[in-house]
Amino acid sequence: MRTTVAVLCILFSATIATAQVQLTPQSTTIPPGGGTLTVDCVLINPTANQVPFYLWNTIVDPYGTRHMMWGPVYMMATPYMNVTVQFSYQIPGVAPSGTYTFETKVAVPAVSPPLVFSDSFVFLK
């Protein structure tokens, strides 16, 4: 039984190893007075399997502090899914000037250890 489970986990892991998350910001500069950060997020499941996953977005400020912006949210990737989701966040004028990092992570908990895919980009304020 353990061998069967281990083999199934390895096969499942291999089938989703090419899952992707791709971020495309509409702009990478926020004016000093604040503005909107808009990001297109493409989620791809290139397999014939349904894959459960969690998705979340964070922003790391110039001081290195991580801010959870959305999620984690539980979702189900349908077979051969290729979907674009758009996220928009207001960056206030009082936010410090400097370099920020926006990151999206996708975690697939059905395997052990969970597989994590991510993409990120830098923006300035």
Protein backbone atom coordinates (compact mmCIF):
# COMPACT_ATOMS: atom_id res chain seq x y z
CA MET A 1 0.00 0.00 0.00
CA ARG A 2 2.73 2.49 0.86
CA THR A 3 4.60 1.71 -2.34
CA THR A 4 1.44 2.26 -4.39
CA VAL A 5 0.74 5.58 -2.69
CA ALA A 6 4.34 6.72 -3.16
CA VAL A 7 4.28 5.79 -6.84
CA LEU A 8 0.95 7.59 -7.34
CA CYS A 9 2.35 10.71 -5.66
CA ILE A 10 5.42 10.65 -7.87
CA LEU A 11 3.32 10.21 -11.01
CA PHE A 12 0.92 12.96 -9.92
CA SER A 13 3.86 15.23 -9.15
CA ALA A 14 5.38 14.60 -12.57
CA THR A 15 2.13 15.37 -14.37
CA ILE A 16 1.80 18.82 -12.80
CA ALA A 17 5.48 19.76 -12.79
CA THR A 18 4.93 22.01 -15.78
CA ALA A 19 2.05 24.01 -14.25
CA GLN A 20 2.66 27.72 -14.65
CA VAL A 21 1.79 31.09 -13.23
CA GLN A 22 2.80 34.10 -15.33
CA LEU A 23 2.52 37.74 -14.24
CA THR A 24 2.36 40.75 -16.55
CA PRO A 25 2.10 44.18 -14.91
CA GLN A 26 0.37 46.95 -16.85
CA SER A 27 2.93 49.36 -15.38
CA THR A 28 5.94 49.04 -13.10
CA THR A 29 5.91 52.61 -11.82
CA ILE A 30 3.52 54.10 -9.25
CA PRO A 31 3.56 57.93 -8.98
CA PRO A 32 4.71 59.48 -5.66
CA GLY A 33 1.11 60.48 -4.87
CA GLY A 34 -0.06 56.86 -5.20
CA GLY A 35 -1.89 54.96 -7.88
CA THR A 36 -3.18 51.62 -9.07
CA LEU A 37 -1.05 48.55 -9.64
CA THR A 38 -2.79 46.32 -12.20
CA VAL A 39 -1.46 42.85 -12.91
CA ASP A 40 -2.57 40.17 -15.36
CA CYS A 41 -2.02 36.69 -13.92
CA VAL A 42 -2.11 33.70 -16.29
CA LEU A 43 -2.70 30.30 -14.70
CA ILE A 44 -1.92 27.26 -16.82
CA ASN A 45 -2.60 23.59 -16.14
CA PRO A 46 -1.14 21.75 -19.15
CA THR A 47 -2.31 18.33 -17.92
CA ALA A 48 -5.44 16.24 -18.44
CA ASN A 49 -5.98 16.16 -14.64
CA GLN A 50 -7.98 18.40 -12.34
CA VAL A 51 -5.50 19.91 -9.90
CA PRO A 52 -6.51 21.53 -6.58
CA PHE A 53 -4.35 24.49 -5.57
CA TYR A 54 -4.07 27.57 -3.38
CA LEU A 55 -3.21 30.95 -4.86
CA TRP A 56 -2.08 34.11 -3.09
CA ASN A 57 -0.50 37.50 -3.85
CA THR A 58 1.98 39.40 -1.72
CA ILE A 59 3.83 42.69 -1.99
CA VAL A 60 7.21 43.17 -0.34
CA ASP A 61 7.81 46.82 0.52
CA PRO A 62 11.19 48.65 0.39
CA TYR A 63 11.84 47.68 4.03
CA GLY A 64 11.43 43.96 3.30
CA THR A 65 8.02 43.64 4.97
CA ARG A 66 5.71 41.15 3.22
CA HIS A 67 2.06 42.24 2.87
CA MET A 68 -0.59 39.64 2.01
CA MET A 69 -2.74 41.26 -0.68
CA TRP A 70 -5.08 38.40 -1.63
CA GLY A 71 -5.60 34.83 -0.50
CA PRO A 72 -4.64 32.17 0.02
CA VAL A 73 -7.71 31.06 -1.92
CA TYR A 74 -8.49 27.42 -2.68
CA MET A 75 -9.23 26.76 -6.37
CA MET A 76 -9.46 23.88 -8.82
CA ALA A 77 -7.53 23.92 -12.09
CA THR A 78 -9.52 22.18 -14.77
CA PRO A 79 -7.74 20.01 -17.36
CA TYR A 80 -5.78 22.11 -19.86
CA MET A 81 -6.87 25.32 -18.12
CA ASN A 82 -5.37 28.54 -19.42
CA VAL A 83 -7.07 31.46 -17.71
CA THR A 84 -6.13 35.10 -17.14
CA VAL A 85 -7.18 36.86 -13.94
CA GLN A 86 -6.61 40.57 -13.41
CA PHE A 87 -5.70 41.96 -9.99
CA SER A 88 -5.75 45.68 -9.16
CA TYR A 89 -4.39 47.20 -5.97
CA GLN A 90 -4.39 50.80 -4.77
CA ILE A 91 -0.92 51.86 -3.64
CA PRO A 92 -1.44 54.86 -1.34
CA GLY A 93 0.57 58.06 -1.55
CA VAL A 94 1.73 57.52 2.05
CA ALA A 95 3.45 54.26 1.07
CA PRO A 96 7.22 54.74 1.18
CA SER A 97 9.11 55.45 -2.02
CA GLY A 98 11.38 52.72 -3.28
CA THR A 99 11.51 49.29 -4.87
CA TYR A 100 8.66 46.84 -4.26
CA THR A 101 8.23 43.20 -5.28
CA PHE A 102 4.86 41.75 -6.32
CA GLU A 103 4.65 37.96 -6.11
CA THR A 104 2.00 35.36 -6.87
CA LYS A 105 2.38 31.85 -5.51
CA VAL A 106 0.46 28.72 -6.41
CA ALA A 107 0.72 25.75 -4.03
CA VAL A 108 -0.46 22.27 -4.96
CA PRO A 109 -1.14 20.50 -1.64
CA ALA A 110 -2.08 17.11 -3.15
CA VAL A 111 1.54 15.95 -3.12
CA SER A 112 4.02 15.81 -0.28
CA PRO A 113 5.83 18.05 0.03
CA PRO A 114 3.43 20.50 -1.68
CA LEU A 115 4.61 21.85 -5.02
CA VAL A 116 4.92 25.63 -5.17
CA PHE A 117 5.07 27.65 -8.38
CA SER A 118 5.58 31.40 -8.39
CA ASP A 119 6.26 34.45 -10.47
CA SER A 120 7.20 37.97 -9.43
CA PHE A 121 8.23 41.37 -10.71
CA VAL A 122 9.67 44.59 -9.31
CA PHE A 123 7.85 47.92 -9.37
CA LEU A 124 8.83 51.40 -8.19
CA LYS A 125 7.00 54.05 -6.26
